[in-house]
Amino acid sequence: MDLLKQKIKQKPEDFVVEEVLPLNLKERGDYSYYILEKRGRNTLDVLSEVASKLKIPLSNFGIAGLKDKRAITSQYVSILNGPEVQIGGKGWRLRFVGRGDRGIEIGDAKGNIFTLTIRDVDAYRVAHNLWLIEKIGFANYFGEQRFLSDLNTSRPIALLLMENRFMEALKEYFTQSNCPYLKRRLKRLWGRWSSFLQEARHLSNQERVVIKVLARTKDPVKAFRAFPKNLKLMFFFSYQSLLWNRCLAKLISQTDHVKAPFVRRERLAFYRRKTPIIEELENSCIPYVSSEALKDERFSEVLEKIIEEQGLKDKLDAEVAGLKVFNPGTRKAIVRPERLQVIEQGRKQLTVRFFLPSGSYATILIRKALYL
């Protein structure tokens, strides 16, 4: 059983995230900047509500990244030609902070400050492990949030799309749920679109548009194209992230390590101490699986194994609906938390605060602290 699910995020107040993004404010500019505070809400759903209230296209909005739903978060938002307003809705508030001459883009944030409460644990042991991790770092795996697009599907959606099985991919995506009853119910209603939409109350407005296109055209390719570009890319990023995690896990498994359960029956390897392998990884960025990745001689052997296991040798240049599936890039293998503080500690509970660089996941850090 996965300890992490029992120990954090029992309520939104247990997981507080503050985005760190220095703004270059100016007296004038085409872009308006805001702080978006939300509680228990999905970032994209909230932005859709803001766009509707302000009557501004969602394409005018910019963010540095998505924030957890089951949490209290604050992050920066840019809106092209946005008004000087402070507005709110259920579980969110948007506050104008100034203007500038460029929009916020994915990856702009320096990082995030996390304040987390961990419950029902040996607080002394977890605190000790966190201090150790501050010294030796932790494997920079992608966290659960990266896999939300197909967290509860039988196969990664990207694989179905690469096989041109668009209808099956849509069904897998829209009928997934961690509630077995709802999952069975949605599968039974698939194709009875009015009833399906009535049952699937959890879908965002953007997702409901896709179902309506499918109902009207009966063309799964057209329906898939109705997804916003960022959501289409999310299917491919999810699969690339899964493969990247496996690559890093294989490398760390060569040294002194512990294994921890993860999503989709994956297991992550966490090193216990520094070794020559870890010292090399500490200063390395590992490439994502792509046609260019094999040029990196340091990691070509492990990447080739991953590619062979997945049968991807002739698919690295694949495209779906005009979008590349495997995009080049690299990711830092090892990171460290900064400014770690234990704010409150009891016998079975502790609250900690720390900074992580952009793209790193607090849930991965805590997972290591629990299983070390």
Protein backbone atom coordinates (compact mmCIF):
# COMPACT_ATOMS: atom_id res chain seq x y z
CA MET A 1 0.00 0.00 0.00
CA ASP A 2 1.23 3.52 -0.86
CA LEU A 3 2.03 5.38 2.36
CA LEU A 4 1.97 8.79 0.70
CA LYS A 5 -1.76 8.70 -0.03
CA GLN A 6 -2.49 8.22 3.67
CA LYS A 7 -0.10 10.85 5.01
CA ILE A 8 -0.55 14.08 3.04
CA LYS A 9 -3.36 16.05 1.40
CA GLN A 10 -5.97 14.78 3.85
CA LYS A 11 -7.40 18.30 3.46
CA PRO A 12 -6.36 21.26 1.28
CA GLU A 13 -4.78 23.08 4.24
CA ASP A 14 -2.21 20.27 4.49
CA PHE A 15 -0.65 21.26 1.14
CA VAL A 16 0.07 24.97 0.62
CA VAL A 17 1.97 26.11 -2.49
CA GLU A 18 3.30 29.63 -3.17
CA GLU A 19 4.78 30.25 -6.61
CA VAL A 20 8.03 32.24 -6.76
CA LEU A 21 8.20 34.30 -9.96
CA PRO A 22 9.95 37.70 -10.02
CA LEU A 23 7.86 40.04 -12.17
CA ASN A 24 9.35 42.86 -14.23
CA LEU A 25 6.62 45.41 -13.51
CA LYS A 26 6.37 48.58 -15.59
CA GLU A 27 4.12 51.62 -15.62
CA ARG A 28 2.68 50.53 -18.96
CA GLY A 29 2.49 47.30 -20.90
CA ASP A 30 0.21 45.13 -23.00
CA TYR A 31 0.10 42.44 -20.32
CA SER A 32 -1.60 42.59 -16.95
CA TYR A 33 -0.33 40.43 -14.08
CA TYR A 34 -2.41 38.88 -11.34
CA ILE A 35 -2.08 36.57 -8.37
CA LEU A 36 -4.52 33.66 -8.52
CA GLU A 37 -5.30 32.09 -5.15
CA LYS A 38 -7.35 28.90 -5.13
CA ARG A 39 -8.45 26.17 -2.77
CA GLY A 40 -9.45 22.68 -3.91
CA ARG A 41 -9.76 23.75 -7.55
CA ASN A 42 -8.14 22.73 -10.83
CA THR A 43 -6.03 25.52 -12.41
CA LEU A 44 -7.44 25.17 -15.95
CA ASP A 45 -11.05 25.06 -14.73
CA VAL A 46 -10.54 28.25 -12.73
CA LEU A 47 -8.93 30.03 -15.69
CA SER A 48 -11.91 29.05 -17.84
CA GLU A 49 -14.22 30.69 -15.27
CA VAL A 50 -12.05 33.82 -15.16
CA ALA A 51 -12.04 34.04 -18.96
CA SER A 52 -15.81 33.73 -19.01
CA LYS A 53 -16.29 36.41 -16.33
CA LEU A 54 -13.92 38.84 -18.01
CA LYS A 55 -15.14 37.95 -21.53
CA ILE A 56 -11.53 37.47 -22.63
CA PRO A 57 -10.34 34.50 -24.77
CA LEU A 58 -8.49 31.83 -22.81
CA SER A 59 -5.70 32.10 -25.41
CA ASN A 60 -4.86 35.53 -23.91
CA PHE A 61 -3.92 33.93 -20.57
CA GLY A 62 -0.44 32.83 -19.52
CA ILE A 63 0.75 30.77 -16.54
CA ALA A 64 4.09 29.31 -15.47
CA GLY A 65 2.59 25.90 -14.61
CA LEU A 66 -0.35 23.98 -13.19
CA LYS A 67 -0.91 23.77 -9.44
CA ASP A 68 -2.31 20.92 -7.38
CA LYS A 69 -6.08 20.66 -7.05
CA ARG A 70 -6.24 19.26 -3.52
CA ALA A 71 -4.28 22.15 -2.04
CA ILE A 72 -4.25 25.85 -1.26
CA THR A 73 -2.14 27.52 -3.94
CA SER A 74 -1.11 30.94 -5.21
CA GLN A 75 0.38 31.55 -8.63
CA TYR A 76 0.90 34.32 -11.17
CA VAL A 77 -1.28 34.78 -14.24
CA SER A 78 -0.80 37.14 -17.20
CA ILE A 79 -3.65 38.34 -19.43
CA LEU A 80 -3.08 40.17 -22.69
CA ASN A 81 -4.99 43.49 -22.43
CA GLY A 82 -6.40 42.43 -19.06
CA PRO A 83 -8.33 44.86 -16.81
CA GLU A 84 -7.28 46.15 -13.37
CA VAL A 85 -9.73 44.06 -11.35
CA GLN A 86 -10.07 41.87 -8.30
CA ILE A 87 -12.65 39.13 -8.82
CA GLY A 88 -13.49 35.78 -7.30
CA GLY A 89 -15.59 32.66 -7.53
CA LYS A 90 -16.08 29.35 -5.78
CA GLY A 91 -12.71 28.43 -4.28
CA TRP A 92 -10.68 31.14 -6.04
CA ARG A 93 -9.71 34.81 -6.09
CA LEU A 94 -7.83 36.79 -8.77
CA ARG A 95 -6.02 40.01 -7.81
CA PHE A 96 -4.37 42.53 -10.19
CA VAL A 97 -0.74 43.35 -9.26
CA GLY A 98 0.65 45.36 -12.20
CA ARG A 99 1.60 45.51 -15.87
CA GLY A 100 4.47 44.44 -18.10
CA ASP A 101 5.52 43.90 -21.70
CA ARG A 102 5.55 40.09 -21.91
CA GLY A 103 3.20 37.26 -21.02
CA ILE A 104 3.99 34.57 -18.47
CA GLU A 105 5.01 31.25 -20.03
CA ILE A 106 5.37 27.66 -18.85
CA GLY A 107 8.64 27.32 -16.95
CA ASP A 108 9.02 31.02 -16.05
CA ALA A 109 8.75 30.45 -12.29
CA LYS A 110 11.92 30.08 -10.22
CA GLY A 111 10.15 27.49 -8.12
CA ASN A 112 7.63 27.06 -5.33
CA ILE A 113 7.56 27.37 -1.55
CA PHE A 114 5.70 24.45 0.02
CA THR A 115 4.18 24.26 3.49
CA LEU A 116 3.11 20.67 4.10
CA THR A 117 1.53 18.83 7.02
CA ILE A 118 2.37 15.12 7.21
CA ARG A 119 0.08 13.06 9.44
CA ASP A 120 0.14 9.66 11.17
CA VAL A 121 3.88 9.10 10.85
CA ASP A 122 6.92 8.69 13.08
CA ALA A 123 7.56 12.42 13.01
CA TYR A 124 11.11 12.14 14.36
CA ARG A 125 12.13 9.64 11.66
CA VAL A 126 10.54 11.65 8.82
CA ALA A 127 12.15 14.90 10.06
CA HIS A 128 15.53 13.13 10.26
CA ASN A 129 15.10 11.82 6.70
CA LEU A 130 14.20 15.31 5.44
CA TRP A 131 17.36 16.80 6.97
CA LEU A 132 19.37 14.01 5.30
CA ILE A 133 17.68 14.69 1.94
CA GLU A 134 18.54 18.38 2.26
CA LYS A 135 22.21 17.28 2.35
CA ILE A 136 22.25 14.50 -0.27
CA GLY A 137 19.31 15.52 -2.51
CA PHE A 138 16.66 13.30 -4.08
CA ALA A 139 15.85 11.79 -7.46
CA ASN A 140 13.96 14.40 -9.46
CA TYR A 141 11.18 12.12 -10.70
CA PHE A 142 8.02 13.54 -12.24
CA GLY A 143 5.25 13.42 -9.64
CA GLU A 144 1.68 12.20 -9.76
CA GLN A 145 0.39 15.52 -11.07
CA ARG A 146 2.24 14.96 -14.35
CA PHE A 147 0.13 11.87 -15.07
CA LEU A 148 -3.37 13.21 -14.40
CA SER A 149 -4.37 12.92 -18.06
CA ASP A 150 -4.22 9.11 -17.91
CA LEU A 151 -3.68 8.27 -14.27
CA ASN A 152 -6.47 5.67 -14.16
CA THR A 153 -6.39 4.29 -17.71
CA SER A 154 -5.35 0.76 -18.63
CA ARG A 155 -2.68 2.08 -21.04
CA PRO A 156 -1.04 5.46 -21.64
CA ILE A 157 -3.31 7.48 -23.94
CA ALA A 158 -0.30 8.42 -26.11
CA LEU A 159 0.19 4.78 -27.15
CA LEU A 160 -3.42 4.48 -28.35
CA LEU A 161 -3.13 7.74 -30.27
CA MET A 162 0.08 6.57 -31.95
CA GLU A 163 -1.82 3.46 -33.10
CA ASN A 164 -4.58 5.69 -34.58
CA ARG A 165 -7.09 4.25 -32.10
CA PHE A 166 -8.69 7.63 -31.43
CA MET A 167 -12.08 6.39 -30.28
CA GLU A 168 -10.51 3.96 -27.82
CA ALA A 169 -8.21 6.72 -26.57
CA LEU A 170 -11.15 9.07 -25.97
CA LYS A 171 -13.13 6.36 -24.20
CA GLU A 172 -10.16 5.50 -21.97
CA TYR A 173 -9.65 9.15 -21.08
CA PHE A 174 -13.26 10.11 -20.43
CA THR A 175 -14.27 6.99 -18.51
CA GLN A 176 -11.28 6.85 -16.17
CA SER A 177 -11.93 7.31 -12.47
CA ASN A 178 -10.44 6.16 -9.17
CA CYS A 179 -14.02 5.30 -8.14
CA PRO A 180 -14.84 1.80 -9.53
CA TYR A 181 -18.61 2.46 -9.51
CA LEU A 182 -18.31 5.71 -11.50
CA LYS A 183 -15.88 4.09 -13.93
CA ARG A 184 -18.33 1.23 -14.66
CA ARG A 185 -21.20 3.70 -14.94
CA LEU A 186 -19.35 5.94 -17.41
CA LYS A 187 -18.36 2.94 -19.57
CA ARG A 188 -22.00 1.81 -19.73
CA LEU A 189 -23.15 5.29 -20.76
CA TRP A 190 -20.45 5.80 -23.43
CA GLY A 191 -22.24 6.64 -26.67
CA ARG A 192 -25.40 7.86 -24.91
CA TRP A 193 -23.97 11.35 -24.85
CA SER A 194 -26.69 13.28 -23.04
CA SER A 195 -26.75 10.78 -20.18
CA PHE A 196 -22.96 10.54 -20.20
CA LEU A 197 -22.52 14.30 -19.77
CA GLN A 198 -25.11 14.34 -17.02
CA GLU A 199 -23.22 11.63 -15.12
CA ALA A 200 -19.72 13.05 -15.79
CA ARG A 201 -20.18 16.21 -13.73
CA HIS A 202 -16.45 16.30 -13.00
CA LEU A 203 -15.56 17.20 -16.61
CA SER A 204 -14.32 20.71 -17.36
CA ASN A 205 -16.03 22.95 -19.90
CA GLN A 206 -13.23 22.23 -22.38
CA GLU A 207 -13.68 18.48 -21.97
CA ARG A 208 -17.43 18.74 -22.40
CA VAL A 209 -16.86 20.52 -25.72
CA VAL A 210 -14.88 17.49 -26.95
CA ILE A 211 -17.74 15.13 -26.07
CA LYS A 212 -20.23 17.41 -27.84
CA VAL A 213 -18.08 17.42 -30.98
CA LEU A 214 -17.90 13.61 -30.83
CA ALA A 215 -21.69 13.38 -30.41
CA ARG A 216 -22.33 15.74 -33.32
CA THR A 217 -19.77 14.44 -35.82
CA LYS A 218 -19.22 10.84 -34.71
CA ASP A 219 -15.61 11.50 -35.75
CA PRO A 220 -13.09 10.75 -32.96
CA VAL A 221 -10.26 12.52 -34.81
CA LYS A 222 -12.27 15.76 -35.01
CA ALA A 223 -13.21 15.33 -31.36
CA PHE A 224 -9.55 14.90 -30.35
CA ARG A 225 -8.63 18.03 -32.30
CA ALA A 226 -11.21 19.92 -30.22
CA PHE A 227 -9.00 19.57 -27.14
CA PRO A 228 -6.99 22.74 -26.43
CA LYS A 229 -3.39 22.30 -27.59
CA ASN A 230 -2.03 22.20 -24.04
CA LEU A 231 -4.30 19.26 -23.18
CA LYS A 232 -3.35 17.37 -26.34
CA LEU A 233 0.31 17.84 -25.54
CA MET A 234 -0.35 16.66 -21.98
CA PHE A 235 -1.02 13.11 -23.24
CA PHE A 236 2.42 13.03 -24.87
CA PHE A 237 4.20 14.72 -21.95
CA SER A 238 2.64 12.17 -19.60
CA TYR A 239 4.07 9.26 -21.59
CA GLN A 240 7.49 10.90 -22.01
CA SER A 241 7.56 11.56 -18.27
CA LEU A 242 6.75 7.93 -17.52
CA LEU A 243 9.68 6.81 -19.69
CA TRP A 244 12.01 9.42 -18.15
CA ASN A 245 11.13 8.19 -14.65
CA ARG A 246 11.92 4.62 -15.69
CA CYS A 247 15.26 5.71 -17.08
CA LEU A 248 16.26 7.44 -13.82
CA ALA A 249 14.97 4.49 -11.74
CA LYS A 250 17.17 2.08 -13.74
CA LEU A 251 20.24 4.24 -13.09
CA ILE A 252 19.60 4.60 -9.36
CA SER A 253 18.86 0.87 -9.04
CA GLN A 254 22.57 0.29 -9.73
CA THR A 255 23.43 1.75 -6.33
CA ASP A 256 22.30 1.37 -2.68
CA HIS A 257 18.58 2.15 -2.83
CA VAL A 258 15.03 1.53 -1.61
CA LYS A 259 11.97 1.00 -3.82
CA ALA A 260 8.69 2.87 -3.38
CA PRO A 261 5.33 2.33 -5.12
CA PHE A 262 4.11 4.94 -7.56
CA VAL A 263 1.28 5.54 -10.03
CA ARG A 264 0.35 3.05 -12.78
CA ARG A 265 2.04 0.21 -10.79
CA GLU A 266 5.41 1.84 -11.33
CA ARG A 267 8.11 1.64 -8.66
CA LEU A 268 10.62 4.40 -8.00
CA ALA A 269 14.17 3.84 -6.77
CA PHE A 270 15.54 6.23 -4.12
CA TYR A 271 19.22 6.21 -3.20
CA ARG A 272 20.18 5.95 0.48
CA ARG A 273 23.58 7.66 0.28
CA LYS A 274 25.95 9.30 -2.12
CA THR A 275 27.98 6.97 -4.36
CA PRO A 276 30.05 7.67 -7.49
CA ILE A 277 26.94 7.02 -9.63
CA ILE A 278 24.88 9.51 -7.62
CA GLU A 279 27.68 12.09 -7.67
CA GLU A 280 27.74 11.84 -11.46
CA LEU A 281 23.96 12.13 -11.68
CA GLU A 282 23.97 15.12 -9.34
CA ASN A 283 25.56 17.24 -12.06
CA SER A 284 23.65 15.68 -14.97
CA CYS A 285 20.55 16.34 -16.99
CA ILE A 286 18.94 13.22 -18.48
CA PRO A 287 17.32 13.58 -21.93
CA TYR A 288 13.71 12.66 -22.59
CA VAL A 289 13.16 9.73 -24.93
CA SER A 290 13.29 11.21 -28.45
CA SER A 291 15.14 10.74 -31.73
CA GLU A 292 17.86 13.10 -30.47
CA ALA A 293 18.30 11.51 -27.04
CA LEU A 294 20.56 8.68 -28.20
CA LYS A 295 23.26 11.20 -29.12
CA ASP A 296 24.02 11.57 -25.40
CA GLU A 297 26.60 8.81 -24.90
CA ARG A 298 26.33 8.94 -21.09
CA PHE A 299 22.75 7.69 -21.13
CA SER A 300 22.38 6.04 -24.56
CA GLU A 301 22.56 2.49 -23.14
CA VAL A 302 19.72 2.92 -20.64
CA LEU A 303 17.66 4.93 -23.15
CA GLU A 304 18.04 2.19 -25.77
CA LYS A 305 16.76 -0.36 -23.23
CA ILE A 306 13.67 1.77 -22.54
CA ILE A 307 13.04 2.27 -26.27
CA GLU A 308 13.40 -1.47 -26.94
CA GLU A 309 11.11 -2.43 -24.05
CA GLN A 310 8.39 -0.13 -25.37
CA GLY A 311 8.83 -1.07 -29.05
CA LEU A 312 9.51 2.54 -29.99
CA LYS A 313 12.57 2.15 -32.23
CA ASP A 314 10.69 3.18 -35.40
CA LYS A 315 8.24 5.55 -33.70
CA LEU A 316 10.46 8.28 -32.27
CA ASP A 317 9.45 10.71 -35.03
CA ALA A 318 5.73 9.90 -34.72
CA GLU A 319 3.14 12.66 -35.05
CA VAL A 320 -0.50 12.72 -33.94
CA ALA A 321 -2.86 15.35 -35.34
CA GLY A 322 0.13 17.40 -36.47
CA LEU A 323 1.87 17.30 -33.08
CA LYS A 324 5.16 15.53 -32.35
CA VAL A 325 4.82 12.80 -29.72
CA PHE A 326 8.46 12.74 -28.57
CA ASN A 327 9.88 16.22 -28.14
CA PRO A 328 13.56 16.72 -27.26
CA GLY A 329 14.59 18.11 -23.91
CA THR A 330 16.44 17.33 -20.70
CA ARG A 331 15.67 17.30 -16.99
CA LYS A 332 17.94 17.60 -13.97
CA ALA A 333 18.43 14.17 -12.38
CA ILE A 334 19.02 15.21 -8.76
CA VAL A 335 17.68 18.22 -6.82
CA ARG A 336 17.77 19.42 -3.21
CA PRO A 337 15.18 21.21 -1.10
CA GLU A 338 16.30 24.64 0.09
CA ARG A 339 15.55 26.59 3.29
CA LEU A 340 14.02 23.51 4.93
CA GLN A 341 12.25 24.30 8.20
CA VAL A 342 10.30 22.11 10.59
CA ILE A 343 7.58 24.54 11.68
CA GLU A 344 5.73 22.25 14.04
CA GLN A 345 6.41 18.72 15.24
CA GLY A 346 4.53 16.31 17.44
CA ARG A 347 4.94 12.58 17.93
CA LYS A 348 2.84 11.54 14.91
CA GLN A 349 2.60 14.73 12.88
CA LEU A 350 4.85 17.48 11.54
CA THR A 351 4.56 20.58 9.39
CA VAL A 352 7.50 21.51 7.17
CA ARG A 353 8.32 24.37 4.85
CA PHE A 354 10.86 24.37 2.00
CA PHE A 355 11.63 25.68 -1.47
CA LEU A 356 11.96 23.51 -4.59
CA PRO A 357 13.11 24.70 -8.04
CA SER A 358 10.54 24.88 -10.83
CA GLY A 359 9.50 21.49 -12.20
CA SER A 360 10.37 19.52 -9.05
CA TYR A 361 7.65 17.79 -7.03
CA ALA A 362 7.14 18.03 -3.27
CA THR A 363 5.26 14.73 -3.36
CA ILE A 364 8.43 12.99 -4.62
CA LEU A 365 10.50 14.54 -1.81
CA ILE A 366 7.98 13.41 0.81
CA ARG A 367 7.72 9.97 -0.78
CA LYS A 368 11.47 9.48 -0.28
CA ALA A 369 11.26 10.75 3.32
CA LEU A 370 8.54 8.18 4.07
CA TYR A 371 10.21 5.17 2.46
CA LEU A 372 13.88 5.85 3.24
